[in-house]
């Protein structure tokens, strides 16, 4: 980013449908 202060960190949970090859 233009400014280092714009960086952030997340904890995330993804749900993956392995048949449809999608991620939510």
PDBML (XML) file of the C-alpha atoms, coordinates in Angstrom:
<?xml version="1.0" encoding="UTF-8" ?>
<PDBx:datablock datablockName="MODEL"
   xmlns:PDBx="http://pdbml.pdb.org/schema/pdbx-v50.xsd"
   xmlns:xsi="http://www.w3.org/2001/XMLSchema-instance"
   xsi:schemaLocation="http://pdbml.pdb.org/schema/pdbx-v50.xsd pdbx-v50.xsd">
   <PDBx:atom_siteCategory>
      <PDBx:atom_site id="1">
         <PDBx:B_iso_or_equiv>0.00</PDBx:B_iso_or_equiv>
         <PDBx:Cartn_x>0.000</PDBx:Cartn_x>
         <PDBx:Cartn_y>0.000</PDBx:Cartn_y>
         <PDBx:Cartn_z>0.000</PDBx:Cartn_z>
         <PDBx:auth_asym_id>A</PDBx:auth_asym_id>
         <PDBx:auth_atom_id>CA</PDBx:auth_atom_id>
         <PDBx:auth_comp_id>UNK</PDBx:auth_comp_id>
         <PDBx:auth_seq_id>1</PDBx:auth_seq_id>
         <PDBx:group_PDB>ATOM</PDBx:group_PDB>
         <PDBx:label_alt_id xsi:nil="true" />
         <PDBx:label_asym_id>A</PDBx:label_asym_id>
         <PDBx:label_atom_id>CA</PDBx:label_atom_id>
         <PDBx:label_comp_id>UNK</PDBx:label_comp_id>
         <PDBx:label_entity_id>1</PDBx:label_entity_id>
         <PDBx:label_seq_id>1</PDBx:label_seq_id>
         <PDBx:occupancy>1.00</PDBx:occupancy>
         <PDBx:pdbx_PDB_model_num>1</PDBx:pdbx_PDB_model_num>
         <PDBx:type_symbol>C</PDBx:type_symbol>
      </PDBx:atom_site>
      <PDBx:atom_site id="2">
         <PDBx:B_iso_or_equiv>0.00</PDBx:B_iso_or_equiv>
         <PDBx:Cartn_x>0.983</PDBx:Cartn_x>
         <PDBx:Cartn_y>3.644</PDBx:Cartn_y>
         <PDBx:Cartn_z>-0.383</PDBx:Cartn_z>
         <PDBx:auth_asym_id>A</PDBx:auth_asym_id>
         <PDBx:auth_atom_id>CA</PDBx:auth_atom_id>
         <PDBx:auth_comp_id>UNK</PDBx:auth_comp_id>
         <PDBx:auth_seq_id>2</PDBx:auth_seq_id>
         <PDBx:group_PDB>ATOM</PDBx:group_PDB>
         <PDBx:label_alt_id xsi:nil="true" />
         <PDBx:label_asym_id>A</PDBx:label_asym_id>
         <PDBx:label_atom_id>CA</PDBx:label_atom_id>
         <PDBx:label_comp_id>UNK</PDBx:label_comp_id>
         <PDBx:label_entity_id>1</PDBx:label_entity_id>
         <PDBx:label_seq_id>2</PDBx:label_seq_id>
         <PDBx:occupancy>1.00</PDBx:occupancy>
         <PDBx:pdbx_PDB_model_num>1</PDBx:pdbx_PDB_model_num>
         <PDBx:type_symbol>C</PDBx:type_symbol>
      </PDBx:atom_site>
      <PDBx:atom_site id="3">
         <PDBx:B_iso_or_equiv>0.00</PDBx:B_iso_or_equiv>
         <PDBx:Cartn_x>1.097</PDBx:Cartn_x>
         <PDBx:Cartn_y>3.940</PDBx:Cartn_y>
         <PDBx:Cartn_z>3.410</PDBx:Cartn_z>
         <PDBx:auth_asym_id>A</PDBx:auth_asym_id>
         <PDBx:auth_atom_id>CA</PDBx:auth_atom_id>
         <PDBx:auth_comp_id>UNK</PDBx:auth_comp_id>
         <PDBx:auth_seq_id>3</PDBx:auth_seq_id>
         <PDBx:group_PDB>ATOM</PDBx:group_PDB>
         <PDBx:label_alt_id xsi:nil="true" />
         <PDBx:label_asym_id>A</PDBx:label_asym_id>
         <PDBx:label_atom_id>CA</PDBx:label_atom_id>
         <PDBx:label_comp_id>UNK</PDBx:label_comp_id>
         <PDBx:label_entity_id>1</PDBx:label_entity_id>
         <PDBx:label_seq_id>3</PDBx:label_seq_id>
         <PDBx:occupancy>1.00</PDBx:occupancy>
         <PDBx:pdbx_PDB_model_num>1</PDBx:pdbx_PDB_model_num>
         <PDBx:type_symbol>C</PDBx:type_symbol>
      </PDBx:atom_site>
      <PDBx:atom_site id="4">
         <PDBx:B_iso_or_equiv>0.00</PDBx:B_iso_or_equiv>
         <PDBx:Cartn_x>2.415</PDBx:Cartn_x>
         <PDBx:Cartn_y>1.142</PDBx:Cartn_y>
         <PDBx:Cartn_z>5.641</PDBx:Cartn_z>
         <PDBx:auth_asym_id>A</PDBx:auth_asym_id>
         <PDBx:auth_atom_id>CA</PDBx:auth_atom_id>
         <PDBx:auth_comp_id>UNK</PDBx:auth_comp_id>
         <PDBx:auth_seq_id>4</PDBx:auth_seq_id>
         <PDBx:group_PDB>ATOM</PDBx:group_PDB>
         <PDBx:label_alt_id xsi:nil="true" />
         <PDBx:label_asym_id>A</PDBx:label_asym_id>
         <PDBx:label_atom_id>CA</PDBx:label_atom_id>
         <PDBx:label_comp_id>UNK</PDBx:label_comp_id>
         <PDBx:label_entity_id>1</PDBx:label_entity_id>
         <PDBx:label_seq_id>4</PDBx:label_seq_id>
         <PDBx:occupancy>1.00</PDBx:occupancy>
         <PDBx:pdbx_PDB_model_num>1</PDBx:pdbx_PDB_model_num>
         <PDBx:type_symbol>C</PDBx:type_symbol>
      </PDBx:atom_site>
      <PDBx:atom_site id="5">
         <PDBx:B_iso_or_equiv>0.00</PDBx:B_iso_or_equiv>
         <PDBx:Cartn_x>-0.246</PDBx:Cartn_x>
         <PDBx:Cartn_y>2.155</PDBx:Cartn_y>
         <PDBx:Cartn_z>8.191</PDBx:Cartn_z>
         <PDBx:auth_asym_id>A</PDBx:auth_asym_id>
         <PDBx:auth_atom_id>CA</PDBx:auth_atom_id>
         <PDBx:auth_comp_id>UNK</PDBx:auth_comp_id>
         <PDBx:auth_seq_id>5</PDBx:auth_seq_id>
         <PDBx:group_PDB>ATOM</PDBx:group_PDB>
         <PDBx:label_alt_id xsi:nil="true" />
         <PDBx:label_asym_id>A</PDBx:label_asym_id>
         <PDBx:label_atom_id>CA</PDBx:label_atom_id>
         <PDBx:label_comp_id>UNK</PDBx:label_comp_id>
         <PDBx:label_entity_id>1</PDBx:label_entity_id>
         <PDBx:label_seq_id>5</PDBx:label_seq_id>
         <PDBx:occupancy>1.00</PDBx:occupancy>
         <PDBx:pdbx_PDB_model_num>1</PDBx:pdbx_PDB_model_num>
         <PDBx:type_symbol>C</PDBx:type_symbol>
      </PDBx:atom_site>
      <PDBx:atom_site id="6">
         <PDBx:B_iso_or_equiv>0.00</PDBx:B_iso_or_equiv>
         <PDBx:Cartn_x>-2.918</PDBx:Cartn_x>
         <PDBx:Cartn_y>0.852</PDBx:Cartn_y>
         <PDBx:Cartn_z>5.792</PDBx:Cartn_z>
         <PDBx:auth_asym_id>A</PDBx:auth_asym_id>
         <PDBx:auth_atom_id>CA</PDBx:auth_atom_id>
         <PDBx:auth_comp_id>UNK</PDBx:auth_comp_id>
         <PDBx:auth_seq_id>6</PDBx:auth_seq_id>
         <PDBx:group_PDB>ATOM</PDBx:group_PDB>
         <PDBx:label_alt_id xsi:nil="true" />
         <PDBx:label_asym_id>A</PDBx:label_asym_id>
         <PDBx:label_atom_id>CA</PDBx:label_atom_id>
         <PDBx:label_comp_id>UNK</PDBx:label_comp_id>
         <PDBx:label_entity_id>1</PDBx:label_entity_id>
         <PDBx:label_seq_id>6</PDBx:label_seq_id>
         <PDBx:occupancy>1.00</PDBx:occupancy>
         <PDBx:pdbx_PDB_model_num>1</PDBx:pdbx_PDB_model_num>
         <PDBx:type_symbol>C</PDBx:type_symbol>
      </PDBx:atom_site>
      <PDBx:atom_site id="7">
         <PDBx:B_iso_or_equiv>0.00</PDBx:B_iso_or_equiv>
         <PDBx:Cartn_x>-1.866</PDBx:Cartn_x>
         <PDBx:Cartn_y>-2.750</PDBx:Cartn_y>
         <PDBx:Cartn_z>6.459</PDBx:Cartn_z>
         <PDBx:auth_asym_id>A</PDBx:auth_asym_id>
         <PDBx:auth_atom_id>CA</PDBx:auth_atom_id>
         <PDBx:auth_comp_id>UNK</PDBx:auth_comp_id>
         <PDBx:auth_seq_id>7</PDBx:auth_seq_id>
         <PDBx:group_PDB>ATOM</PDBx:group_PDB>
         <PDBx:label_alt_id xsi:nil="true" />
         <PDBx:label_asym_id>A</PDBx:label_asym_id>
         <PDBx:label_atom_id>CA</PDBx:label_atom_id>
         <PDBx:label_comp_id>UNK</PDBx:label_comp_id>
         <PDBx:label_entity_id>1</PDBx:label_entity_id>
         <PDBx:label_seq_id>7</PDBx:label_seq_id>
         <PDBx:occupancy>1.00</PDBx:occupancy>
         <PDBx:pdbx_PDB_model_num>1</PDBx:pdbx_PDB_model_num>
         <PDBx:type_symbol>C</PDBx:type_symbol>
      </PDBx:atom_site>
      <PDBx:atom_site id="8">
         <PDBx:B_iso_or_equiv>0.00</PDBx:B_iso_or_equiv>
         <PDBx:Cartn_x>-4.051</PDBx:Cartn_x>
         <PDBx:Cartn_y>-4.943</PDBx:Cartn_y>
         <PDBx:Cartn_z>8.669</PDBx:Cartn_z>
         <PDBx:auth_asym_id>A</PDBx:auth_asym_id>
         <PDBx:auth_atom_id>CA</PDBx:auth_atom_id>
         <PDBx:auth_comp_id>UNK</PDBx:auth_comp_id>
         <PDBx:auth_seq_id>8</PDBx:auth_seq_id>
         <PDBx:group_PDB>ATOM</PDBx:group_PDB>
         <PDBx:label_alt_id xsi:nil="true" />
         <PDBx:label_asym_id>A</PDBx:label_asym_id>
         <PDBx:label_atom_id>CA</PDBx:label_atom_id>
         <PDBx:label_comp_id>UNK</PDBx:label_comp_id>
         <PDBx:label_entity_id>1</PDBx:label_entity_id>
         <PDBx:label_seq_id>8</PDBx:label_seq_id>
         <PDBx:occupancy>1.00</PDBx:occupancy>
         <PDBx:pdbx_PDB_model_num>1</PDBx:pdbx_PDB_model_num>
         <PDBx:type_symbol>C</PDBx:type_symbol>
      </PDBx:atom_site>
      <PDBx:atom_site id="9">
         <PDBx:B_iso_or_equiv>0.00</PDBx:B_iso_or_equiv>
         <PDBx:Cartn_x>-4.315</PDBx:Cartn_x>
         <PDBx:Cartn_y>-8.571</PDBx:Cartn_y>
         <PDBx:Cartn_z>9.779</PDBx:Cartn_z>
         <PDBx:auth_asym_id>A</PDBx:auth_asym_id>
         <PDBx:auth_atom_id>CA</PDBx:auth_atom_id>
         <PDBx:auth_comp_id>UNK</PDBx:auth_comp_id>
         <PDBx:auth_seq_id>9</PDBx:auth_seq_id>
         <PDBx:group_PDB>ATOM</PDBx:group_PDB>
         <PDBx:label_alt_id xsi:nil="true" />
         <PDBx:label_asym_id>A</PDBx:label_asym_id>
         <PDBx:label_atom_id>CA</PDBx:label_atom_id>
         <PDBx:label_comp_id>UNK</PDBx:label_comp_id>
         <PDBx:label_entity_id>1</PDBx:label_entity_id>
         <PDBx:label_seq_id>9</PDBx:label_seq_id>
         <PDBx:occupancy>1.00</PDBx:occupancy>
         <PDBx:pdbx_PDB_model_num>1</PDBx:pdbx_PDB_model_num>
         <PDBx:type_symbol>C</PDBx:type_symbol>
      </PDBx:atom_site>
      <PDBx:atom_site id="10">
         <PDBx:B_iso_or_equiv>0.00</PDBx:B_iso_or_equiv>
         <PDBx:Cartn_x>-7.378</PDBx:Cartn_x>
         <PDBx:Cartn_y>-10.820</PDBx:Cartn_y>
         <PDBx:Cartn_z>9.946</PDBx:Cartn_z>
         <PDBx:auth_asym_id>A</PDBx:auth_asym_id>
         <PDBx:auth_atom_id>CA</PDBx:auth_atom_id>
         <PDBx:auth_comp_id>UNK</PDBx:auth_comp_id>
         <PDBx:auth_seq_id>10</PDBx:auth_seq_id>
         <PDBx:group_PDB>ATOM</PDBx:group_PDB>
         <PDBx:label_alt_id xsi:nil="true" />
         <PDBx:label_asym_id>A</PDBx:label_asym_id>
         <PDBx:label_atom_id>CA</PDBx:label_atom_id>
         <PDBx:label_comp_id>UNK</PDBx:label_comp_id>
         <PDBx:label_entity_id>1</PDBx:label_entity_id>
         <PDBx:label_seq_id>10</PDBx:label_seq_id>
         <PDBx:occupancy>1.00</PDBx:occupancy>
         <PDBx:pdbx_PDB_model_num>1</PDBx:pdbx_PDB_model_num>
         <PDBx:type_symbol>C</PDBx:type_symbol>
      </PDBx:atom_site>
      <PDBx:atom_site id="11">
         <PDBx:B_iso_or_equiv>0.00</PDBx:B_iso_or_equiv>
         <PDBx:Cartn_x>-8.551</PDBx:Cartn_x>
         <PDBx:Cartn_y>-14.028</PDBx:Cartn_y>
         <PDBx:Cartn_z>11.528</PDBx:Cartn_z>
         <PDBx:auth_asym_id>A</PDBx:auth_asym_id>
         <PDBx:auth_atom_id>CA</PDBx:auth_atom_id>
         <PDBx:auth_comp_id>UNK</PDBx:auth_comp_id>
         <PDBx:auth_seq_id>11</PDBx:auth_seq_id>
         <PDBx:group_PDB>ATOM</PDBx:group_PDB>
         <PDBx:label_alt_id xsi:nil="true" />
         <PDBx:label_asym_id>A</PDBx:label_asym_id>
         <PDBx:label_atom_id>CA</PDBx:label_atom_id>
         <PDBx:label_comp_id>UNK</PDBx:label_comp_id>
         <PDBx:label_entity_id>1</PDBx:label_entity_id>
         <PDBx:label_seq_id>11</PDBx:label_seq_id>
         <PDBx:occupancy>1.00</PDBx:occupancy>
         <PDBx:pdbx_PDB_model_num>1</PDBx:pdbx_PDB_model_num>
         <PDBx:type_symbol>C</PDBx:type_symbol>
      </PDBx:atom_site>
      <PDBx:atom_site id="12">
         <PDBx:B_iso_or_equiv>0.00</PDBx:B_iso_or_equiv>
         <PDBx:Cartn_x>-10.727</PDBx:Cartn_x>
         <PDBx:Cartn_y>-15.679</PDBx:Cartn_y>
         <PDBx:Cartn_z>8.857</PDBx:Cartn_z>
         <PDBx:auth_asym_id>A</PDBx:auth_asym_id>
         <PDBx:auth_atom_id>CA</PDBx:auth_atom_id>
         <PDBx:auth_comp_id>UNK</PDBx:auth_comp_id>
         <PDBx:auth_seq_id>12</PDBx:auth_seq_id>
         <PDBx:group_PDB>ATOM</PDBx:group_PDB>
         <PDBx:label_alt_id xsi:nil="true" />
         <PDBx:label_asym_id>A</PDBx:label_asym_id>
         <PDBx:label_atom_id>CA</PDBx:label_atom_id>
         <PDBx:label_comp_id>UNK</PDBx:label_comp_id>
         <PDBx:label_entity_id>1</PDBx:label_entity_id>
         <PDBx:label_seq_id>12</PDBx:label_seq_id>
         <PDBx:occupancy>1.00</PDBx:occupancy>
         <PDBx:pdbx_PDB_model_num>1</PDBx:pdbx_PDB_model_num>
         <PDBx:type_symbol>C</PDBx:type_symbol>
      </PDBx:atom_site>
      <PDBx:atom_site id="13">
         <PDBx:B_iso_or_equiv>0.00</PDBx:B_iso_or_equiv>
         <PDBx:Cartn_x>-12.929</PDBx:Cartn_x>
         <PDBx:Cartn_y>-18.729</PDBx:Cartn_y>
         <PDBx:Cartn_z>8.422</PDBx:Cartn_z>
         <PDBx:auth_asym_id>A</PDBx:auth_asym_id>
         <PDBx:auth_atom_id>CA</PDBx:auth_atom_id>
         <PDBx:auth_comp_id>UNK</PDBx:auth_comp_id>
         <PDBx:auth_seq_id>13</PDBx:auth_seq_id>
         <PDBx:group_PDB>ATOM</PDBx:group_PDB>
         <PDBx:label_alt_id xsi:nil="true" />
         <PDBx:label_asym_id>A</PDBx:label_asym_id>
         <PDBx:label_atom_id>CA</PDBx:label_atom_id>
         <PDBx:label_comp_id>UNK</PDBx:label_comp_id>
         <PDBx:label_entity_id>1</PDBx:label_entity_id>
         <PDBx:label_seq_id>13</PDBx:label_seq_id>
         <PDBx:occupancy>1.00</PDBx:occupancy>
         <PDBx:pdbx_PDB_model_num>1</PDBx:pdbx_PDB_model_num>
         <PDBx:type_symbol>C</PDBx:type_symbol>
      </PDBx:atom_site>
      <PDBx:atom_site id="14">
         <PDBx:B_iso_or_equiv>0.00</PDBx:B_iso_or_equiv>
         <PDBx:Cartn_x>-13.623</PDBx:Cartn_x>
         <PDBx:Cartn_y>-20.016</PDBx:Cartn_y>
         <PDBx:Cartn_z>4.917</PDBx:Cartn_z>
         <PDBx:auth_asym_id>A</PDBx:auth_asym_id>
         <PDBx:auth_atom_id>CA</PDBx:auth_atom_id>
         <PDBx:auth_comp_id>UNK</PDBx:auth_comp_id>
         <PDBx:auth_seq_id>14</PDBx:auth_seq_id>
         <PDBx:group_PDB>ATOM</PDBx:group_PDB>
         <PDBx:label_alt_id xsi:nil="true" />
         <PDBx:label_asym_id>A</PDBx:label_asym_id>
         <PDBx:label_atom_id>CA</PDBx:label_atom_id>
         <PDBx:label_comp_id>UNK</PDBx:label_comp_id>
         <PDBx:label_entity_id>1</PDBx:label_entity_id>
         <PDBx:label_seq_id>14</PDBx:label_seq_id>
         <PDBx:occupancy>1.00</PDBx:occupancy>
         <PDBx:pdbx_PDB_model_num>1</PDBx:pdbx_PDB_model_num>
         <PDBx:type_symbol>C</PDBx:type_symbol>
      </PDBx:atom_site>
      <PDBx:atom_site id="15">
         <PDBx:B_iso_or_equiv>0.00</PDBx:B_iso_or_equiv>
         <PDBx:Cartn_x>-16.240</PDBx:Cartn_x>
         <PDBx:Cartn_y>-22.593</PDBx:Cartn_y>
         <PDBx:Cartn_z>3.881</PDBx:Cartn_z>
         <PDBx:auth_asym_id>A</PDBx:auth_asym_id>
         <PDBx:auth_atom_id>CA</PDBx:auth_atom_id>
         <PDBx:auth_comp_id>UNK</PDBx:auth_comp_id>
         <PDBx:auth_seq_id>15</PDBx:auth_seq_id>
         <PDBx:group_PDB>ATOM</PDBx:group_PDB>
         <PDBx:label_alt_id xsi:nil="true" />
         <PDBx:label_asym_id>A</PDBx:label_asym_id>
         <PDBx:label_atom_id>CA</PDBx:label_atom_id>
         <PDBx:label_comp_id>UNK</PDBx:label_comp_id>
         <PDBx:label_entity_id>1</PDBx:label_entity_id>
         <PDBx:label_seq_id>15</PDBx:label_seq_id>
         <PDBx:occupancy>1.00</PDBx:occupancy>
         <PDBx:pdbx_PDB_model_num>1</PDBx:pdbx_PDB_model_num>
         <PDBx:type_symbol>C</PDBx:type_symbol>
      </PDBx:atom_site>
      <PDBx:atom_site id="16">
         <PDBx:B_iso_or_equiv>0.00</PDBx:B_iso_or_equiv>
         <PDBx:Cartn_x>-15.151</PDBx:Cartn_x>
         <PDBx:Cartn_y>-24.634</PDBx:Cartn_y>
         <PDBx:Cartn_z>0.862</PDBx:Cartn_z>
         <PDBx:auth_asym_id>A</PDBx:auth_asym_id>
         <PDBx:auth_atom_id>CA</PDBx:auth_atom_id>
         <PDBx:auth_comp_id>UNK</PDBx:auth_comp_id>
         <PDBx:auth_seq_id>16</PDBx:auth_seq_id>
         <PDBx:group_PDB>ATOM</PDBx:group_PDB>
         <PDBx:label_alt_id xsi:nil="true" />
         <PDBx:label_asym_id>A</PDBx:label_asym_id>
         <PDBx:label_atom_id>CA</PDBx:label_atom_id>
         <PDBx:label_comp_id>UNK</PDBx:label_comp_id>
         <PDBx:label_entity_id>1</PDBx:label_entity_id>
         <PDBx:label_seq_id>16</PDBx:label_seq_id>
         <PDBx:occupancy>1.00</PDBx:occupancy>
         <PDBx:pdbx_PDB_model_num>1</PDBx:pdbx_PDB_model_num>
         <PDBx:type_symbol>C</PDBx:type_symbol>
      </PDBx:atom_site>
      <PDBx:atom_site id="17">
         <PDBx:B_iso_or_equiv>0.00</PDBx:B_iso_or_equiv>
         <PDBx:Cartn_x>-17.518</PDBx:Cartn_x>
         <PDBx:Cartn_y>-26.676</PDBx:Cartn_y>
         <PDBx:Cartn_z>-1.301</PDBx:Cartn_z>
         <PDBx:auth_asym_id>A</PDBx:auth_asym_id>
         <PDBx:auth_atom_id>CA</PDBx:auth_atom_id>
         <PDBx:auth_comp_id>UNK</PDBx:auth_comp_id>
         <PDBx:auth_seq_id>17</PDBx:auth_seq_id>
         <PDBx:group_PDB>ATOM</PDBx:group_PDB>
         <PDBx:label_alt_id xsi:nil="true" />
         <PDBx:label_asym_id>A</PDBx:label_asym_id>
         <PDBx:label_atom_id>CA</PDBx:label_atom_id>
         <PDBx:label_comp_id>UNK</PDBx:label_comp_id>
         <PDBx:label_entity_id>1</PDBx:label_entity_id>
         <PDBx:label_seq_id>17</PDBx:label_seq_id>
         <PDBx:occupancy>1.00</PDBx:occupancy>
         <PDBx:pdbx_PDB_model_num>1</PDBx:pdbx_PDB_model_num>
         <PDBx:type_symbol>C</PDBx:type_symbol>
      </PDBx:atom_site>
      <PDBx:atom_site id="18">
         <PDBx:B_iso_or_equiv>0.00</PDBx:B_iso_or_equiv>
         <PDBx:Cartn_x>-15.161</PDBx:Cartn_x>
         <PDBx:Cartn_y>-29.279</PDBx:Cartn_y>
         <PDBx:Cartn_z>-2.747</PDBx:Cartn_z>
         <PDBx:auth_asym_id>A</PDBx:auth_asym_id>
         <PDBx:auth_atom_id>CA</PDBx:auth_atom_id>
         <PDBx:auth_comp_id>UNK</PDBx:auth_comp_id>
         <PDBx:auth_seq_id>18</PDBx:auth_seq_id>
         <PDBx:group_PDB>ATOM</PDBx:group_PDB>
         <PDBx:label_alt_id xsi:nil="true" />
         <PDBx:label_asym_id>A</PDBx:label_asym_id>
         <PDBx:label_atom_id>CA</PDBx:label_atom_id>
         <PDBx:label_comp_id>UNK</PDBx:label_comp_id>
         <PDBx:label_entity_id>1</PDBx:label_entity_id>
         <PDBx:label_seq_id>18</PDBx:label_seq_id>
         <PDBx:occupancy>1.00</PDBx:occupancy>
         <PDBx:pdbx_PDB_model_num>1</PDBx:pdbx_PDB_model_num>
         <PDBx:type_symbol>C</PDBx:type_symbol>
      </PDBx:atom_site>
      <PDBx:atom_site id="19">
         <PDBx:B_iso_or_equiv>0.00</PDBx:B_iso_or_equiv>
         <PDBx:Cartn_x>-17.655</PDBx:Cartn_x>
         <PDBx:Cartn_y>-30.490</PDBx:Cartn_y>
         <PDBx:Cartn_z>-5.362</PDBx:Cartn_z>
         <PDBx:auth_asym_id>A</PDBx:auth_asym_id>
         <PDBx:auth_atom_id>CA</PDBx:auth_atom_id>
         <PDBx:auth_comp_id>UNK</PDBx:auth_comp_id>
         <PDBx:auth_seq_id>19</PDBx:auth_seq_id>
         <PDBx:group_PDB>ATOM</PDBx:group_PDB>
         <PDBx:label_alt_id xsi:nil="true" />
         <PDBx:label_asym_id>A</PDBx:label_asym_id>
         <PDBx:label_atom_id>CA</PDBx:label_atom_id>
         <PDBx:label_comp_id>UNK</PDBx:label_comp_id>
         <PDBx:label_entity_id>1</PDBx:label_entity_id>
         <PDBx:label_seq_id>19</PDBx:label_seq_id>
         <PDBx:occupancy>1.00</PDBx:occupancy>
         <PDBx:pdbx_PDB_model_num>1</PDBx:pdbx_PDB_model_num>
         <PDBx:type_symbol>C</PDBx:type_symbol>
      </PDBx:atom_site>
      <PDBx:atom_site id="20">
         <PDBx:B_iso_or_equiv>0.00</PDBx:B_iso_or_equiv>
         <PDBx:Cartn_x>-18.553</PDBx:Cartn_x>
         <PDBx:Cartn_y>-27.056</PDBx:Cartn_y>
         <PDBx:Cartn_z>-6.716</PDBx:Cartn_z>
         <PDBx:auth_asym_id>A</PDBx:auth_asym_id>
         <PDBx:auth_atom_id>CA</PDBx:auth_atom_id>
         <PDBx:auth_comp_id>UNK</PDBx:auth_comp_id>
         <PDBx:auth_seq_id>20</PDBx:auth_seq_id>
         <PDBx:group_PDB>ATOM</PDBx:group_PDB>
         <PDBx:label_alt_id xsi:nil="true" />
         <PDBx:label_asym_id>A</PDBx:label_asym_id>
         <PDBx:label_atom_id>CA</PDBx:label_atom_id>
         <PDBx:label_comp_id>UNK</PDBx:label_comp_id>
         <PDBx:label_entity_id>1</PDBx:label_entity_id>
         <PDBx:label_seq_id>20</PDBx:label_seq_id>
         <PDBx:occupancy>1.00</PDBx:occupancy>
         <PDBx:pdbx_PDB_model_num>1</PDBx:pdbx_PDB_model_num>
         <PDBx:type_symbol>C</PDBx:type_symbol>
      </PDBx:atom_site>
      <PDBx:atom_site id="21">
         <PDBx:B_iso_or_equiv>0.00</PDBx:B_iso_or_equiv>
         <PDBx:Cartn_x>-14.973</PDBx:Cartn_x>
         <PDBx:Cartn_y>-25.747</PDBx:Cartn_y>
         <PDBx:Cartn_z>-6.223</PDBx:Cartn_z>
         <PDBx:auth_asym_id>A</PDBx:auth_asym_id>
         <PDBx:auth_atom_id>CA</PDBx:auth_atom_id>
         <PDBx:auth_comp_id>UNK</PDBx:auth_comp_id>
         <PDBx:auth_seq_id>21</PDBx:auth_seq_id>
         <PDBx:group_PDB>ATOM</PDBx:group_PDB>
         <PDBx:label_alt_id xsi:nil="true" />
         <PDBx:label_asym_id>A</PDBx:label_asym_id>
         <PDBx:label_atom_id>CA</PDBx:label_atom_id>
         <PDBx:label_comp_id>UNK</PDBx:label_comp_id>
         <PDBx:label_entity_id>1</PDBx:label_entity_id>
         <PDBx:label_seq_id>21</PDBx:label_seq_id>
         <PDBx:occupancy>1.00</PDBx:occupancy>
         <PDBx:pdbx_PDB_model_num>1</PDBx:pdbx_PDB_model_num>
         <PDBx:type_symbol>C</PDBx:type_symbol>
      </PDBx:atom_site>
      <PDBx:atom_site id="22">
         <PDBx:B_iso_or_equiv>0.00</PDBx:B_iso_or_equiv>
         <PDBx:Cartn_x>-16.248</PDBx:Cartn_x>
         <PDBx:Cartn_y>-22.626</PDBx:Cartn_y>
         <PDBx:Cartn_z>-4.476</PDBx:Cartn_z>
         <PDBx:auth_asym_id>A</PDBx:auth_asym_id>
         <PDBx:auth_atom_id>CA</PDBx:auth_atom_id>
         <PDBx:auth_comp_id>UNK</PDBx:auth_comp_id>
         <PDBx:auth_seq_id>22</PDBx:auth_seq_id>
         <PDBx:group_PDB>ATOM</PDBx:group_PDB>
         <PDBx:label_alt_id xsi:nil="true" />
         <PDBx:label_asym_id>A</PDBx:label_asym_id>
         <PDBx:label_atom_id>CA</PDBx:label_atom_id>
         <PDBx:label_comp_id>UNK</PDBx:label_comp_id>
         <PDBx:label_entity_id>1</PDBx:label_entity_id>
         <PDBx:label_seq_id>22</PDBx:label_seq_id>
         <PDBx:occupancy>1.00</PDBx:occupancy>
         <PDBx:pdbx_PDB_model_num>1</PDBx:pdbx_PDB_model_num>
         <PDBx:type_symbol>C</PDBx:type_symbol>
      </PDBx:atom_site>
      <PDBx:atom_site id="23">
         <PDBx:B_iso_or_equiv>0.00</PDBx:B_iso_or_equiv>
         <PDBx:Cartn_x>-15.213</PDBx:Cartn_x>
         <PDBx:Cartn_y>-20.756</PDBx:Cartn_y>
         <PDBx:Cartn_z>-1.340</PDBx:Cartn_z>
         <PDBx:auth_asym_id>A</PDBx:auth_asym_id>
         <PDBx:auth_atom_id>CA</PDBx:auth_atom_id>
         <PDBx:auth_comp_id>UNK</PDBx:auth_comp_id>
         <PDBx:auth_seq_id>23</PDBx:auth_seq_id>
         <PDBx:group_PDB>ATOM</PDBx:group_PDB>
         <PDBx:label_alt_id xsi:nil="true" />
         <PDBx:label_asym_id>A</PDBx:label_asym_id>
         <PDBx:label_atom_id>CA</PDBx:label_atom_id>
         <PDBx:label_comp_id>UNK</PDBx:label_comp_id>
         <PDBx:label_entity_id>1</PDBx:label_entity_id>
         <PDBx:label_seq_id>23</PDBx:label_seq_id>
         <PDBx:occupancy>1.00</PDBx:occupancy>
         <PDBx:pdbx_PDB_model_num>1</PDBx:pdbx_PDB_model_num>
         <PDBx:type_symbol>C</PDBx:type_symbol>
      </PDBx:atom_site>
      <PDBx:atom_site id="24">
         <PDBx:B_iso_or_equiv>0.00</PDBx:B_iso_or_equiv>
         <PDBx:Cartn_x>-17.326</PDBx:Cartn_x>
         <PDBx:Cartn_y>-18.579</PDBx:Cartn_y>
         <PDBx:Cartn_z>0.957</PDBx:Cartn_z>
         <PDBx:auth_asym_id>A</PDBx:auth_asym_id>
         <PDBx:auth_atom_id>CA</PDBx:auth_atom_id>
         <PDBx:auth_comp_id>UNK</PDBx:auth_comp_id>
         <PDBx:auth_seq_id>24</PDBx:auth_seq_id>
         <PDBx:group_PDB>ATOM</PDBx:group_PDB>
         <PDBx:label_alt_id xsi:nil="true" />
         <PDBx:label_asym_id>A</PDBx:label_asym_id>
         <PDBx:label_atom_id>CA</PDBx:label_atom_id>
         <PDBx:label_comp_id>UNK</PDBx:label_comp_id>
         <PDBx:label_entity_id>1</PDBx:label_entity_id>
         <PDBx:label_seq_id>24</PDBx:label_seq_id>
         <PDBx:occupancy>1.00</PDBx:occupancy>
         <PDBx:pdbx_PDB_model_num>1</PDBx:pdbx_PDB_model_num>
         <PDBx:type_symbol>C</PDBx:type_symbol>
      </PDBx:atom_site>
   </PDBx:atom_siteCategory>
</PDBx:datablock>
